[in-house]
PDB file of N, CA and C in Angstrom:
ATOM      1  N   UNK A   1      22.225  67.943 -74.007  1.00  0.00           N
ATOM      2  CA  UNK A   1      22.970  67.681 -75.560  1.00  0.00           C
ATOM      3  C   UNK A   1      21.995  66.147 -76.027  1.00  0.00           C
ATOM      4  N   UNK A   2      21.543  66.591 -77.410  1.00  0.00           N
ATOM      5  CA  UNK A   2      20.546  65.519 -77.939  1.00  0.00           C
ATOM      6  C   UNK A   2      21.699  64.757 -79.269  1.00  0.00           C
ATOM      7  N   UNK A   3      21.558  63.669 -79.006  1.00  0.00           N
ATOM      8  CA  UNK A   3      22.447  62.879 -79.921  1.00  0.00           C
ATOM      9  C   UNK A   3      21.673  62.661 -81.374  1.00  0.00           C
ATOM     10  N   UNK A   4      22.149  61.972 -82.222  1.00  0.00           N
ATOM     11  CA  UNK A   4      21.567  62.001 -83.527  1.00  0.00           C
ATOM     12  C   UNK A   4      20.500  60.658 -83.794  1.00  0.00           C
ATOM     13  N   UNK A   5      20.675  59.384 -82.315  1.00  0.00           N
ATOM     14  CA  UNK A   5      19.787  58.593 -82.816  1.00  0.00           C
ATOM     15  C   UNK A   5      19.209  58.124 -81.430  1.00  0.00           C
ATOM     16  N   UNK A   6      19.054  59.214 -80.736  1.00  0.00           N
ATOM     17  CA  UNK A   6      18.257  59.118 -79.250  1.00  0.00           C
ATOM     18  C   UNK A   6      17.350  59.911 -79.146  1.00  0.00           C
ATOM     19  N   UNK A   7      16.702  59.867 -78.375  1.00  0.00           N
ATOM     20  CA  UNK A   7      15.309  60.635 -78.334  1.00  0.00           C
ATOM     21  C   UNK A   7      16.071  61.813 -77.269  1.00  0.00           C
ATOM     22  N   UNK A   8      15.899  61.102 -76.092  1.00  0.00           N
ATOM     23  CA  UNK A   8      17.075  62.495 -74.834  1.00  0.00           C
ATOM     24  C   UNK A   8      17.805  61.827 -74.268  1.00  0.00           C
ATOM     25  N   UNK A   9      19.112  62.313 -73.950  1.00  0.00           N
ATOM     26  CA  UNK A   9      20.199  61.464 -73.500  1.00  0.00           C
ATOM     27  C   UNK A   9      20.952  63.054 -72.502  1.00  0.00           C
ATOM     28  N   UNK A  10      21.104  62.673 -71.153  1.00  0.00           N
ATOM     29  CA  UNK A  10      22.142  63.583 -70.483  1.00  0.00           C
ATOM     30  C   UNK A  10      23.802  63.443 -71.245  1.00  0.00           C
ATOM     31  N   UNK A  11      24.303  64.823 -70.661  1.00  0.00           N
ATOM     32  CA  UNK A  11      25.805  64.778 -70.936  1.00  0.00           C
ATOM     33  C   UNK A  11      26.298  65.224 -69.918  1.00  0.00           C
ATOM     34  N   UNK A  12      27.617  64.766 -69.437  1.00  0.00           N
ATOM     35  CA  UNK A  12      28.497  64.949 -68.089  1.00  0.00           C
ATOM     36  C   UNK A  12      29.898  65.482 -69.089  1.00  0.00           C
ATOM     37  N   UNK A  13      30.230  66.401 -68.187  1.00  0.00           N
ATOM     38  CA  UNK A  13      31.083  66.984 -68.681  1.00  0.00           C
ATOM     39  C   UNK A  13      32.157  67.102 -67.536  1.00  0.00           C
ATOM     40  N   UNK A  14      33.320  66.533 -67.806  1.00  0.00           N
ATOM     41  CA  UNK A  14      34.792  66.711 -66.438  1.00  0.00           C
ATOM     42  C   UNK A  14      35.776  67.323 -67.242  1.00  0.00           C
ATOM     43  N   UNK A  15      36.926  67.943 -66.854  1.00  0.00           N
ATOM     44  CA  UNK A  15      38.032  68.431 -66.946  1.00  0.00           C
ATOM     45  C   UNK A  15      39.425  67.907 -65.883  1.00  0.00           C
ATOM     46  N   UNK A  16      40.518  67.561 -66.989  1.00  0.00           N
ATOM     47  CA  UNK A  16      41.675  67.249 -66.269  1.00  0.00           C
ATOM     48  C   UNK A  16      42.740  68.194 -66.850  1.00  0.00           C
ATOM     49  N   UNK A  17      43.793  68.559 -66.039  1.00  0.00           N
ATOM     50  CA  UNK A  17      44.938  69.315 -66.958  1.00  0.00           C
ATOM     51  C   UNK A  17      46.151  68.493 -67.710  1.00  0.00           C
ATOM     52  N   UNK A  18      46.671  68.699 -68.403  1.00  0.00           N
ATOM     53  CA  UNK A  18      47.725  67.835 -69.297  1.00  0.00           C
ATOM     54  C   UNK A  18      48.805  68.800 -68.924  1.00  0.00           C
ATOM     55  N   UNK A  19      49.847  68.461 -68.075  1.00  0.00           N
ATOM     56  CA  UNK A  19      50.781  69.314 -68.011  1.00  0.00           C
ATOM     57  C   UNK A  19      51.976  69.244 -68.939  1.00  0.00           C
ATOM     58  N   UNK A  20      52.590  70.454 -69.461  1.00  0.00           N
ATOM     59  CA  UNK A  20      53.534  70.513 -70.333  1.00  0.00           C
ATOM     60  C   UNK A  20      54.865  70.484 -69.711  1.00  0.00           C
ATOM     61  N   UNK A  21      54.762  71.177 -68.949  1.00  0.00           N
ATOM     62  CA  UNK A  21      56.316  71.633 -68.148  1.00  0.00           C
ATOM     63  C   UNK A  21      56.111  72.264 -66.970  1.00  0.00           C
ATOM     64  N   UNK A  22      57.240  71.701 -66.200  1.00  0.00           N
ATOM     65  CA  UNK A  22      57.169  71.861 -64.751  1.00  0.00           C
ATOM     66  C   UNK A  22      57.042  73.525 -64.906  1.00  0.00           C
ATOM     67  N   UNK A  23      56.596  74.138 -63.516  1.00  0.00           N
ATOM     68  CA  UNK A  23      56.415  75.498 -63.035  1.00  0.00           C
ATOM     69  C   UNK A  23      57.545  76.375 -63.430  1.00  0.00           C
ATOM     70  N   UNK A  24      58.207  76.111 -62.845  1.00  0.00           N
ATOM     71  CA  UNK A  24      59.894  76.563 -62.853  1.00  0.00           C
ATOM     72  C   UNK A  24      60.563  76.611 -64.402  1.00  0.00           C
ATOM     73  N   UNK A  25      60.229  75.968 -65.349  1.00  0.00           N
ATOM     74  CA  UNK A  25      60.761  75.736 -67.066  1.00  0.00           C
ATOM     75  C   UNK A  25      59.621  76.451 -67.607  1.00  0.00           C
ATOM     76  N   UNK A  26      58.899  77.196 -67.149  1.00  0.00           N
ATOM     77  CA  UNK A  26      57.922  78.068 -68.282  1.00  0.00           C
ATOM     78  C   UNK A  26      58.566  78.770 -69.012  1.00  0.00           C
ATOM     79  N   UNK A  27      59.123  79.738 -68.341  1.00  0.00           N
ATOM     80  CA  UNK A  27      59.957  80.576 -69.115  1.00  0.00           C
ATOM     81  C   UNK A  27      60.847  80.287 -70.290  1.00  0.00           C
ATOM     82  N   UNK A  28      61.483  78.556 -70.576  1.00  0.00           N
ATOM     83  CA  UNK A  28      62.321  78.504 -70.863  1.00  0.00           C
ATOM     84  C   UNK A  28      61.818  77.366 -72.024  1.00  0.00           C
ATOM     85  N   UNK A  29      60.515  77.025 -71.789  1.00  0.00           N
ATOM     86  CA  UNK A  29      59.790  75.707 -72.465  1.00  0.00           C
ATOM     87  C   UNK A  29      59.495  76.632 -73.771  1.00  0.00           C
ATOM     88  N   UNK A  30      59.563  75.680 -75.026  1.00  0.00           N
ATOM     89  CA  UNK A  30      59.658  76.202 -76.366  1.00  0.00           C
ATOM     90  C   UNK A  30      58.544  75.637 -77.260  1.00  0.00           C
ATOM     91  N   UNK A  31      58.373  74.231 -76.673  1.00  0.00           N
ATOM     92  CA  UNK A  31      57.268  73.263 -77.384  1.00  0.00           C
ATOM     93  C   UNK A  31      55.955  73.803 -78.077  1.00  0.00           C
ATOM     94  N   UNK A  32      55.342  73.972 -77.029  1.00  0.00           N
ATOM     95  CA  UNK A  32      53.923  74.307 -76.974  1.00  0.00           C
ATOM     96  C   UNK A  32      53.403  75.661 -76.848  1.00  0.00           C
ATOM     97  N   UNK A  33      54.488  76.342 -76.986  1.00  0.00           N
ATOM     98  CA  UNK A  33      54.621  77.865 -76.711  1.00  0.00           C
ATOM     99  C   UNK A  33      53.491  78.825 -77.232  1.00  0.00           C
ATOM    100  N   UNK A  34      52.768  78.510 -78.466  1.00  0.00           N
ATOM    101  CA  UNK A  34      51.750  79.591 -78.679  1.00  0.00           C
ATOM    102  C   UNK A  34      50.304  78.468 -78.306  1.00  0.00           C
ATOM    103  N   UNK A  35      50.556  77.299 -78.214  1.00  0.00           N
ATOM    104  CA  UNK A  35      48.781  76.722 -77.949  1.00  0.00           C
ATOM    105  C   UNK A  35      48.413  76.495 -76.286  1.00  0.00           C
ATOM    106  N   UNK A  36      49.592  76.182 -75.361  1.00  0.00           N
ATOM    107  CA  UNK A  36      49.356  75.631 -73.938  1.00  0.00           C
ATOM    108  C   UNK A  36      49.379  77.602 -73.436  1.00  0.00           C
ATOM    109  N   UNK A  37      48.543  77.001 -72.248  1.00  0.00           N
ATOM    110  CA  UNK A  37      48.345  78.575 -71.745  1.00  0.00           C
ATOM    111  C   UNK A  37      49.185  78.518 -69.796  1.00  0.00           C
ATOM    112  N   UNK A  38      49.315  79.203 -69.703  1.00  0.00           N
ATOM    113  CA  UNK A  38      49.206  79.763 -68.157  1.00  0.00           C
ATOM    114  C   UNK A  38      48.702  80.148 -67.253  1.00  0.00           C
ATOM    115  N   UNK A  39      48.323  79.559 -66.174  1.00  0.00           N
ATOM    116  CA  UNK A  39      47.150  80.146 -65.333  1.00  0.00           C
ATOM    117  C   UNK A  39      47.675  79.593 -63.947  1.00  0.00           C
ATOM    118  N   UNK A  40      46.063  80.086 -63.464  1.00  0.00           N
ATOM    119  CA  UNK A  40      46.957  79.736 -61.374  1.00  0.00           C
ATOM    120  C   UNK A  40      45.625  79.125 -61.123  1.00  0.00           C
ATOM    121  N   UNK A  41      45.602  78.029 -60.423  1.00  0.00           N
ATOM    122  CA  UNK A  41      44.524  77.555 -60.131  1.00  0.00           C
ATOM    123  C   UNK A  41      44.715  77.498 -58.301  1.00  0.00           C
ATOM    124  N   UNK A  42      44.063  76.373 -57.669  1.00  0.00           N
ATOM    125  CA  UNK A  42      43.839  76.166 -56.594  1.00  0.00           C
ATOM    126  C   UNK A  42      45.345  75.590 -55.695  1.00  0.00           C
ATOM    127  N   UNK A  43      45.685  74.481 -57.144  1.00  0.00           N
ATOM    128  CA  UNK A  43      47.029  73.940 -56.557  1.00  0.00           C
ATOM    129  C   UNK A  43      48.411  75.181 -56.923  1.00  0.00           C
ATOM    130  N   UNK A  44      47.847  75.906 -57.662  1.00  0.00           N
ATOM    131  CA  UNK A  44      49.337  76.950 -58.118  1.00  0.00           C
ATOM    132  C   UNK A  44      49.491  77.234 -59.152  1.00  0.00           C
ATOM    133  N   UNK A  45      50.716  77.826 -59.810  1.00  0.00           N
ATOM    134  CA  UNK A  45      50.509  78.542 -61.057  1.00  0.00           C
ATOM    135  C   UNK A  45      50.932  77.188 -61.934  1.00  0.00           C
ATOM    136  N   UNK A  46      50.447  76.965 -63.112  1.00  0.00           N
ATOM    137  CA  UNK A  46      50.372  75.962 -63.883  1.00  0.00           C
ATOM    138  C   UNK A  46      50.733  76.280 -65.674  1.00  0.00           C
ATOM    139  N   UNK A  47      51.150  75.294 -66.117  1.00  0.00           N
ATOM    140  CA  UNK A  47      51.082  75.657 -67.675  1.00  0.00           C
ATOM    141  C   UNK A  47      50.996  74.308 -68.169  1.00  0.00           C
ATOM    142  N   UNK A  48      49.415  74.503 -69.241  1.00  0.00           N
ATOM    143  CA  UNK A  48      49.565  72.911 -69.311  1.00  0.00           C
ATOM    144  C   UNK A  48      47.974  72.986 -70.516  1.00  0.00           C
ATOM    145  N   UNK A  49      47.918  71.848 -71.109  1.00  0.00           N
ATOM    146  CA  UNK A  49      46.493  72.506 -71.763  1.00  0.00           C
ATOM    147  C   UNK A  49      45.377  71.917 -70.740  1.00  0.00           C
ATOM    148  N   UNK A  50      44.129  71.919 -71.158  1.00  0.00           N
ATOM    149  CA  UNK A  50      42.952  71.798 -70.357  1.00  0.00           C
ATOM    150  C   UNK A  50      41.968  70.663 -71.183  1.00  0.00           C
ATOM    151  N   UNK A  51      42.241  69.153 -70.777  1.00  0.00           N
ATOM    152  CA  UNK A  51      41.600  68.014 -71.289  1.00  0.00           C
ATOM    153  C   UNK A  51      40.075  68.534 -71.114  1.00  0.00           C
ATOM    154  N   UNK A  52      38.882  68.419 -72.115  1.00  0.00           N
ATOM    155  CA  UNK A  52      37.541  68.378 -71.059  1.00  0.00           C
ATOM    156  C   UNK A  52      37.350  67.013 -72.066  1.00  0.00           C
ATOM    157  N   UNK A  53      36.275  66.152 -71.390  1.00  0.00           N
ATOM    158  CA  UNK A  53      36.005  64.757 -71.800  1.00  0.00           C
ATOM    159  C   UNK A  53      34.019  64.829 -71.374  1.00  0.00           C
ATOM    160  N   UNK A  54      33.505  64.798 -72.456  1.00  0.00           N
ATOM    161  CA  UNK A  54      32.250  64.870 -72.564  1.00  0.00           C
ATOM    162  C   UNK A  54      31.291  63.296 -72.742  1.00  0.00           C
ATOM    163  N   UNK A  55      30.837  62.891 -71.782  1.00  0.00           N
ATOM    164  CA  UNK A  55      30.127  61.538 -72.000  1.00  0.00           C
ATOM    165  C   UNK A  55      28.287  61.508 -71.892  1.00  0.00           C
ATOM    166  N   UNK A  56      27.939  60.448 -72.379  1.00  0.00           N
ATOM    167  CA  UNK A  56      26.632  60.403 -72.052  1.00  0.00           C
ATOM    168  C   UNK A  56      26.276  59.851 -70.894  1.00  0.00           C
ATOM    169  N   UNK A  57      24.758  59.303 -70.605  1.00  0.00           N
ATOM    170  CA  UNK A  57      24.732  58.606 -69.665  1.00  0.00           C
ATOM    171  C   UNK A  57      24.718  57.237 -69.590  1.00  0.00           C
ATOM    172  N   UNK A  58      25.242  56.783 -70.481  1.00  0.00           N
ATOM    173  CA  UNK A  58      25.403  55.380 -70.553  1.00  0.00           C
ATOM    174  C   UNK A  58      26.792  55.131 -70.373  1.00  0.00           C
ATOM    175  N   UNK A  59      27.721  56.106 -70.321  1.00  0.00           N
ATOM    176  CA  UNK A  59      29.437  55.970 -69.913  1.00  0.00           C
ATOM    177  C   UNK A  59      29.894  56.295 -71.708  1.00  0.00           C
ATOM    178  N   UNK A  60      29.366  56.290 -72.828  1.00  0.00           N
ATOM    179  CA  UNK A  60      29.795  56.489 -74.104  1.00  0.00           C
ATOM    180  C   UNK A  60      30.353  58.182 -74.001  1.00  0.00           C
ATOM    181  N   UNK A  61      31.722  57.891 -74.497  1.00  0.00           N
ATOM    182  CA  UNK A  61      32.364  58.974 -75.016  1.00  0.00           C
ATOM    183  C   UNK A  61      31.420  59.989 -75.975  1.00  0.00           C
ATOM    184  N   UNK A  62      31.161  61.451 -75.813  1.00  0.00           N
ATOM    185  CA  UNK A  62      30.783  62.289 -77.142  1.00  0.00           C
ATOM    186  C   UNK A  62      31.583  62.780 -77.681  1.00  0.00           C
ATOM    187  N   UNK A  63      32.606  63.671 -76.689  1.00  0.00           N
ATOM    188  CA  UNK A  63      33.519  64.636 -77.327  1.00  0.00           C
ATOM    189  C   UNK A  63      34.656  64.716 -76.406  1.00  0.00           C
ATOM    190  N   UNK A  64      35.989  65.034 -77.058  1.00  0.00           N
ATOM    191  CA  UNK A  64      36.990  65.126 -76.024  1.00  0.00           C
ATOM    192  C   UNK A  64      37.687  66.461 -76.396  1.00  0.00           C
TER     193      UNK A  64
END
């Protein structure tokens, strides 16, 4: 990824989940009904947002 004030830069992407509610309460949950997603991962079913963080090679945050 190229930044405006640098010649060449590396970017690292990491993701994490932000849990909205417990798995047993998915069908009763109303607050983030239209925006959060339900899915299945290695740890089982989840209902959450995915947080993606992009940083440069010096540790500066490029995007969240």
